[in-house]
Amino acid sequence: MALPRDRNSDLNDPRVRRTQAALRRTLIELVQERDLSRVSVADVAERAGVSRSTFYDHYRDVHELAEAACTAMIDDLIDAIPDPGTQEESTDTLLTFFAHLDEHAGLYRSVLGAQGSARVIDHVRRRATVAAYVGARRAATGGDGPSPADYAGGVPHDVPAAFTAGALIGVATDWLQHGCPCSPAEMAALTRPLLAALYEDARPQS
């Protein structure tokens, strides 16, 4: 009897990465048109121009694809935004964060909500904790210091960073679930003062 295919075994194959990226992009497009719960494997496969069997070579179902799409976007976002040093940079960073969530609100609302994905929520929390940890240290040294890439495996236990990440995710999730009633700029302006003390007072722990 043939063994089931290990879907992680071909991750270094450019064709596999291209197919997975195409499926993620297709799902993001579809969620702009309808709720995630109304998107089927057949919908994604047809829009992406692949067979359903090809879809199942990479993902078990639409929900797993949504998890992959969200984690990939969060990784790209956190790697791209500047570390918050000055007050202005902190506001710009928050604006970038909320603008990204707003652009993909349908997808994030589905995976971060009450019926969403615990795996995505944990991934977002961990990446946000790294960003907060790195940002506080770079702010304390005037812009010099580690980068998020230095903490790919996570950061040491750091209460201010964990508190900041948890608070930011909580605010963002509540905003998404209420239909984004404030603009990303308003959310950045409202959130920055609440987080500023943590960024300013955080110090490297021994």
C-alpha atoms as a PDB file:
ATOM      1  CA  MET A   1       0.000   0.000   0.000  1.00  0.00           C
ATOM      2  CA  ALA A   2       1.340   3.430  -0.946  1.00  0.00           C
ATOM      3  CA  LEU A   3       2.291   5.701   1.907  1.00  0.00           C
ATOM      4  CA  PRO A   4       0.518   9.081   2.134  1.00  0.00           C
ATOM      5  CA  ARG A   5       2.472  11.917   0.601  1.00  0.00           C
ATOM      6  CA  ASP A   6       4.422  14.137   2.976  1.00  0.00           C
ATOM      7  CA  ARG A   7       3.253  17.613   1.949  1.00  0.00           C
ATOM      8  CA  ASN A   8       6.231  19.216   3.717  1.00  0.00           C
ATOM      9  CA  SER A   9       8.817  17.215   1.811  1.00  0.00           C
ATOM     10  CA  ASP A  10       8.767  19.401  -1.314  1.00  0.00           C
ATOM     11  CA  LEU A  11       8.864  22.846   0.321  1.00  0.00           C
ATOM     12  CA  ASN A  12      12.202  23.614  -1.328  1.00  0.00           C
ATOM     13  CA  ASP A  13      10.761  22.905  -4.776  1.00  0.00           C
ATOM     14  CA  PRO A  14      10.086  26.251  -6.528  1.00  0.00           C
ATOM     15  CA  ARG A  15       7.051  24.753  -8.263  1.00  0.00           C
ATOM     16  CA  VAL A  16       5.533  23.809  -4.916  1.00  0.00           C
ATOM     17  CA  ARG A  17       6.156  27.266  -3.498  1.00  0.00           C
ATOM     18  CA  ARG A  18       4.642  28.907  -6.593  1.00  0.00           C
ATOM     19  CA  THR A  19       1.549  26.731  -6.412  1.00  0.00           C
ATOM     20  CA  GLN A  20       1.066  27.400  -2.716  1.00  0.00           C
ATOM     21  CA  ALA A  21       1.536  31.142  -3.236  1.00  0.00           C
ATOM     22  CA  ALA A  22      -1.009  31.076  -6.069  1.00  0.00           C
ATOM     23  CA  LEU A  23      -3.538  29.268  -3.876  1.00  0.00           C
ATOM     24  CA  ARG A  24      -3.005  31.774  -1.049  1.00  0.00           C
ATOM     25  CA  ARG A  25      -3.464  34.727  -3.417  1.00  0.00           C
ATOM     26  CA  THR A  26      -6.602  33.147  -4.854  1.00  0.00           C
ATOM     27  CA  LEU A  27      -8.133  32.664  -1.416  1.00  0.00           C
ATOM     28  CA  ILE A  28      -7.374  36.287  -0.501  1.00  0.00           C
ATOM     29  CA  GLU A  29      -9.141  37.410  -3.685  1.00  0.00           C
ATOM     30  CA  LEU A  30     -12.179  35.237  -3.007  1.00  0.00           C
ATOM     31  CA  VAL A  31     -12.545  36.422   0.590  1.00  0.00           C
ATOM     32  CA  GLN A  32     -12.821  39.972  -0.732  1.00  0.00           C
ATOM     33  CA  GLU A  33     -15.980  38.801  -2.519  1.00  0.00           C
ATOM     34  CA  ARG A  34     -17.618  36.523   0.059  1.00  0.00           C
ATOM     35  CA  ASP A  35     -17.235  35.219   3.598  1.00  0.00           C
ATOM     36  CA  LEU A  36     -14.618  32.522   4.154  1.00  0.00           C
ATOM     37  CA  SER A  37     -17.339  30.063   5.193  1.00  0.00           C
ATOM     38  CA  ARG A  38     -18.806  30.351   1.683  1.00  0.00           C
ATOM     39  CA  VAL A  39     -15.534  29.586  -0.113  1.00  0.00           C
ATOM     40  CA  SER A  40     -15.058  25.958  -1.172  1.00  0.00           C
ATOM     41  CA  VAL A  41     -12.063  23.970  -2.370  1.00  0.00           C
ATOM     42  CA  ALA A  42     -13.682  23.875  -5.804  1.00  0.00           C
ATOM     43  CA  ASP A  43     -13.936  27.683  -5.816  1.00  0.00           C
ATOM     44  CA  VAL A  44     -10.236  28.079  -5.012  1.00  0.00           C
ATOM     45  CA  ALA A  45      -9.097  25.402  -7.474  1.00  0.00           C
ATOM     46  CA  GLU A  46     -11.176  26.814 -10.322  1.00  0.00           C
ATOM     47  CA  ARG A  47     -10.046  30.413  -9.759  1.00  0.00           C
ATOM     48  CA  ALA A  48      -6.393  29.343  -9.392  1.00  0.00           C
ATOM     49  CA  GLY A  49      -6.559  27.191 -12.518  1.00  0.00           C
ATOM     50  CA  VAL A  50      -5.567  23.929 -10.807  1.00  0.00           C
ATOM     51  CA  SER A  51      -7.338  20.653 -10.156  1.00  0.00           C
ATOM     52  CA  ARG A  52      -8.872  19.771  -6.813  1.00  0.00           C
ATOM     53  CA  SER A  53      -6.328  16.981  -6.466  1.00  0.00           C
ATOM     54  CA  THR A  54      -3.559  19.562  -6.821  1.00  0.00           C
ATOM     55  CA  PHE A  55      -5.179  21.610  -4.064  1.00  0.00           C
ATOM     56  CA  TYR A  56      -5.224  18.564  -1.774  1.00  0.00           C
ATOM     57  CA  ASP A  57      -1.556  17.927  -2.527  1.00  0.00           C
ATOM     58  CA  HIS A  58      -0.858  21.105  -0.551  1.00  0.00           C
ATOM     59  CA  TYR A  59      -3.711  21.743   1.903  1.00  0.00           C
ATOM     60  CA  ARG A  60      -6.292  19.611   3.691  1.00  0.00           C
ATOM     61  CA  ASP A  61      -9.091  22.144   3.312  1.00  0.00           C
ATOM     62  CA  VAL A  62      -9.881  25.838   2.852  1.00  0.00           C
ATOM     63  CA  HIS A  63      -9.356  26.527   6.541  1.00  0.00           C
ATOM     64  CA  GLU A  64      -5.775  25.230   6.448  1.00  0.00           C
ATOM     65  CA  LEU A  65      -5.168  27.371   3.360  1.00  0.00           C
ATOM     66  CA  ALA A  66      -6.563  30.387   5.241  1.00  0.00           C
ATOM     67  CA  GLU A  67      -4.171  29.692   8.102  1.00  0.00           C
ATOM     68  CA  ALA A  68      -1.251  29.531   5.666  1.00  0.00           C
ATOM     69  CA  ALA A  69      -2.326  32.748   3.939  1.00  0.00           C
ATOM     70  CA  CYS A  70      -2.662  34.646   7.218  1.00  0.00           C
ATOM     71  CA  THR A  71       0.621  33.461   8.699  1.00  0.00           C
ATOM     72  CA  ALA A  72       2.481  34.257   5.478  1.00  0.00           C
ATOM     73  CA  MET A  73       0.984  37.762   5.333  1.00  0.00           C
ATOM     74  CA  ILE A  74       1.730  38.448   9.002  1.00  0.00           C
ATOM     75  CA  ASP A  75       5.325  37.294   8.547  1.00  0.00           C
ATOM     76  CA  ASP A  76       5.754  39.560   5.517  1.00  0.00           C
ATOM     77  CA  LEU A  77       4.116  42.462   7.351  1.00  0.00           C
ATOM     78  CA  ILE A  78       6.215  42.232  10.509  1.00  0.00           C
ATOM     79  CA  ASP A  79       9.407  41.781   8.502  1.00  0.00           C
ATOM     80  CA  ALA A  80       8.579  44.884   6.436  1.00  0.00           C
ATOM     81  CA  ILE A  81       7.427  47.427   9.025  1.00  0.00           C
ATOM     82  CA  PRO A  82      10.016  49.590  10.821  1.00  0.00           C
ATOM     83  CA  ASP A  83      10.772  49.011  14.466  1.00  0.00           C
ATOM     84  CA  PRO A  84       8.993  51.631  16.599  1.00  0.00           C
ATOM     85  CA  GLY A  85      11.602  54.001  17.978  1.00  0.00           C
ATOM     86  CA  THR A  86      10.260  57.531  18.094  1.00  0.00           C
ATOM     87  CA  GLN A  87       6.630  58.438  18.701  1.00  0.00           C
ATOM     88  CA  GLU A  88       6.217  59.191  14.991  1.00  0.00           C
ATOM     89  CA  GLU A  89       7.698  55.838  13.986  1.00  0.00           C
ATOM     90  CA  SER A  90       5.473  54.060  16.484  1.00  0.00           C
ATOM     91  CA  THR A  91       2.365  55.656  14.984  1.00  0.00           C
ATOM     92  CA  ASP A  92       3.525  54.821  11.447  1.00  0.00           C
ATOM     93  CA  THR A  93       4.117  51.207  12.467  1.00  0.00           C
ATOM     94  CA  LEU A  94       0.652  50.919  13.978  1.00  0.00           C
ATOM     95  CA  LEU A  95      -0.884  52.563  10.910  1.00  0.00           C
ATOM     96  CA  THR A  96       0.816  49.986   8.677  1.00  0.00           C
ATOM     97  CA  PHE A  97      -0.451  47.179  10.925  1.00  0.00           C
ATOM     98  CA  PHE A  98      -4.067  48.348  11.011  1.00  0.00           C
ATOM     99  CA  ALA A  99      -4.095  49.249   7.297  1.00  0.00           C
ATOM    100  CA  HIS A 100      -2.975  45.704   6.490  1.00  0.00           C
ATOM    101  CA  LEU A 101      -5.709  44.198   8.672  1.00  0.00           C
ATOM    102  CA  ASP A 102      -8.282  46.517   7.108  1.00  0.00           C
ATOM    103  CA  GLU A 103      -7.216  45.525   3.581  1.00  0.00           C
ATOM    104  CA  HIS A 104      -7.763  41.846   4.402  1.00  0.00           C
ATOM    105  CA  ALA A 105     -10.489  42.310   7.026  1.00  0.00           C
ATOM    106  CA  GLY A 106     -12.703  39.474   5.798  1.00  0.00           C
ATOM    107  CA  LEU A 107      -9.956  36.891   6.071  1.00  0.00           C
ATOM    108  CA  TYR A 108      -8.600  38.075   9.431  1.00  0.00           C
ATOM    109  CA  ARG A 109     -12.116  38.418  10.856  1.00  0.00           C
ATOM    110  CA  SER A 110     -12.704  34.751  10.046  1.00  0.00           C
ATOM    111  CA  VAL A 111      -9.480  33.358  11.464  1.00  0.00           C
ATOM    112  CA  LEU A 112      -9.075  35.631  14.512  1.00  0.00           C
ATOM    113  CA  GLY A 113     -12.699  35.519  15.653  1.00  0.00           C
ATOM    114  CA  ALA A 114     -14.458  33.206  18.110  1.00  0.00           C
ATOM    115  CA  GLN A 115     -14.774  30.449  15.491  1.00  0.00           C
ATOM    116  CA  GLY A 116     -11.341  31.076  14.048  1.00  0.00           C
ATOM    117  CA  SER A 117      -7.978  29.362  14.131  1.00  0.00           C
ATOM    118  CA  ALA A 118      -6.107  28.966  17.420  1.00  0.00           C
ATOM    119  CA  ARG A 119      -2.969  28.246  15.394  1.00  0.00           C
ATOM    120  CA  VAL A 120      -3.161  31.563  13.542  1.00  0.00           C
ATOM    121  CA  ILE A 121      -3.960  33.480  16.718  1.00  0.00           C
ATOM    122  CA  ASP A 122      -0.911  31.942  18.417  1.00  0.00           C
ATOM    123  CA  HIS A 123       1.278  32.677  15.397  1.00  0.00           C
ATOM    124  CA  VAL A 124       0.172  36.326  15.317  1.00  0.00           C
ATOM    125  CA  ARG A 125       0.719  36.628  19.080  1.00  0.00           C
ATOM    126  CA  ARG A 126       4.240  35.199  18.875  1.00  0.00           C
ATOM    127  CA  ARG A 127       5.262  37.379  15.926  1.00  0.00           C
ATOM    128  CA  ALA A 128       3.790  40.474  17.599  1.00  0.00           C
ATOM    129  CA  THR A 129       5.687  39.635  20.799  1.00  0.00           C
ATOM    130  CA  VAL A 130       8.944  39.461  18.830  1.00  0.00           C
ATOM    131  CA  ALA A 131       8.171  42.811  17.177  1.00  0.00           C
ATOM    132  CA  ALA A 132       7.404  44.434  20.543  1.00  0.00           C
ATOM    133  CA  TYR A 133      10.528  42.967  22.156  1.00  0.00           C
ATOM    134  CA  VAL A 134      12.791  44.117  19.326  1.00  0.00           C
ATOM    135  CA  GLY A 135      11.100  47.513  19.064  1.00  0.00           C
ATOM    136  CA  ALA A 136      11.573  48.271  22.763  1.00  0.00           C
ATOM    137  CA  ARG A 137      15.262  47.416  22.625  1.00  0.00           C
ATOM    138  CA  ARG A 138      15.918  49.403  19.483  1.00  0.00           C
ATOM    139  CA  ALA A 139      14.055  52.369  20.968  1.00  0.00           C
ATOM    140  CA  ALA A 140      16.192  52.163  24.115  1.00  0.00           C
ATOM    141  CA  THR A 141      19.407  52.239  22.059  1.00  0.00           C
ATOM    142  CA  GLY A 142      18.398  54.916  19.588  1.00  0.00           C
ATOM    143  CA  GLY A 143      17.718  52.551  16.694  1.00  0.00           C
ATOM    144  CA  ASP A 144      20.581  50.084  17.099  1.00  0.00           C
ATOM    145  CA  GLY A 145      19.939  46.569  18.251  1.00  0.00           C
ATOM    146  CA  PRO A 146      18.471  43.244  17.163  1.00  0.00           C
ATOM    147  CA  SER A 147      16.048  42.599  14.336  1.00  0.00           C
ATOM    148  CA  PRO A 148      13.032  40.263  14.271  1.00  0.00           C
ATOM    149  CA  ALA A 149      15.093  37.798  12.219  1.00  0.00           C
ATOM    150  CA  ASP A 150      17.408  37.381  15.240  1.00  0.00           C
ATOM    151  CA  TYR A 151      14.507  35.853  17.170  1.00  0.00           C
ATOM    152  CA  ALA A 152      13.051  33.412  14.669  1.00  0.00           C
ATOM    153  CA  GLY A 153      12.683  30.889  17.468  1.00  0.00           C
ATOM    154  CA  GLY A 154      11.000  33.330  19.824  1.00  0.00           C
ATOM    155  CA  VAL A 155      12.142  35.774  22.485  1.00  0.00           C
ATOM    156  CA  PRO A 156      13.006  35.294  26.151  1.00  0.00           C
ATOM    157  CA  HIS A 157      10.180  35.664  28.643  1.00  0.00           C
ATOM    158  CA  ASP A 158       9.467  39.394  28.604  1.00  0.00           C
ATOM    159  CA  VAL A 159       6.337  40.698  30.328  1.00  0.00           C
ATOM    160  CA  PRO A 160       6.124  44.115  28.561  1.00  0.00           C
ATOM    161  CA  ALA A 161       6.525  42.527  25.114  1.00  0.00           C
ATOM    162  CA  ALA A 162       3.955  39.803  25.829  1.00  0.00           C
ATOM    163  CA  PHE A 163       1.532  42.325  27.334  1.00  0.00           C
ATOM    164  CA  THR A 164       1.938  44.665  24.367  1.00  0.00           C
ATOM    165  CA  ALA A 165       1.353  41.882  21.844  1.00  0.00           C
ATOM    166  CA  GLY A 166      -1.691  40.560  23.680  1.00  0.00           C
ATOM    167  CA  ALA A 167      -3.210  44.018  24.030  1.00  0.00           C
ATOM    168  CA  LEU A 168      -2.621  44.870  20.369  1.00  0.00           C
ATOM    169  CA  ILE A 169      -4.159  41.618  19.136  1.00  0.00           C
ATOM    170  CA  GLY A 170      -7.126  42.071  21.462  1.00  0.00           C
ATOM    171  CA  VAL A 171      -7.775  45.590  20.197  1.00  0.00           C
ATOM    172  CA  ALA A 172      -7.327  44.546  16.565  1.00  0.00           C
ATOM    173  CA  THR A 173      -9.644  41.544  16.907  1.00  0.00           C
ATOM    174  CA  ASP A 174     -12.352  43.636  18.582  1.00  0.00           C
ATOM    175  CA  TRP A 175     -12.040  46.240  15.815  1.00  0.00           C
ATOM    176  CA  LEU A 176     -12.367  43.592  13.108  1.00  0.00           C
ATOM    177  CA  GLN A 177     -15.351  41.926  14.763  1.00  0.00           C
ATOM    178  CA  HIS A 178     -17.147  45.283  14.948  1.00  0.00           C
ATOM    179  CA  GLY A 179     -16.679  45.822  11.220  1.00  0.00           C
ATOM    180  CA  CYS A 180     -13.705  48.236  11.460  1.00  0.00           C
ATOM    181  CA  PRO A 181     -15.785  51.264  12.587  1.00  0.00           C
ATOM    182  CA  CYS A 182     -12.672  53.476  12.865  1.00  0.00           C
ATOM    183  CA  SER A 183     -10.173  54.066  10.097  1.00  0.00           C
ATOM    184  CA  PRO A 184      -6.675  52.541  10.373  1.00  0.00           C
ATOM    185  CA  ALA A 185      -5.308  56.047  11.055  1.00  0.00           C
ATOM    186  CA  GLU A 186      -7.781  56.552  13.883  1.00  0.00           C
ATOM    187  CA  MET A 187      -6.938  53.149  15.337  1.00  0.00           C
ATOM    188  CA  ALA A 188      -3.217  53.949  15.230  1.00  0.00           C
ATOM    189  CA  ALA A 189      -3.816  57.291  16.965  1.00  0.00           C
ATOM    190  CA  LEU A 190      -6.013  55.697  19.639  1.00  0.00           C
ATOM    191  CA  THR A 191      -3.723  52.735  20.262  1.00  0.00           C
ATOM    192  CA  ARG A 192      -0.313  54.415  20.306  1.00  0.00           C
ATOM    193  CA  PRO A 193      -0.738  56.273  23.646  1.00  0.00           C
ATOM    194  CA  LEU A 194      -1.935  53.062  25.287  1.00  0.00           C
ATOM    195  CA  LEU A 195       1.197  51.205  24.185  1.00  0.00           C
ATOM    196  CA  ALA A 196       3.701  54.055  24.488  1.00  0.00           C
ATOM    197  CA  ALA A 197       4.412  53.561  28.183  1.00  0.00           C
ATOM    198  CA  LEU A 198       5.247  49.921  27.630  1.00  0.00           C
ATOM    199  CA  TYR A 199       7.648  50.722  24.774  1.00  0.00           C
ATOM    200  CA  GLU A 200       9.258  53.594  26.676  1.00  0.00           C
ATOM    201  CA  ASP A 201       9.573  51.847  30.012  1.00  0.00           C
ATOM    202  CA  ALA A 202      10.580  48.399  28.780  1.00  0.00           C
ATOM    203  CA  ARG A 203      14.183  47.516  29.463  1.00  0.00           C
ATOM    204  CA  PRO A 204      16.156  44.419  28.541  1.00  0.00           C
ATOM    205  CA  GLN A 205      15.742  41.802  31.235  1.00  0.00           C
ATOM    206  CA  SER A 206      18.677  39.847  32.499  1.00  0.00           C
END
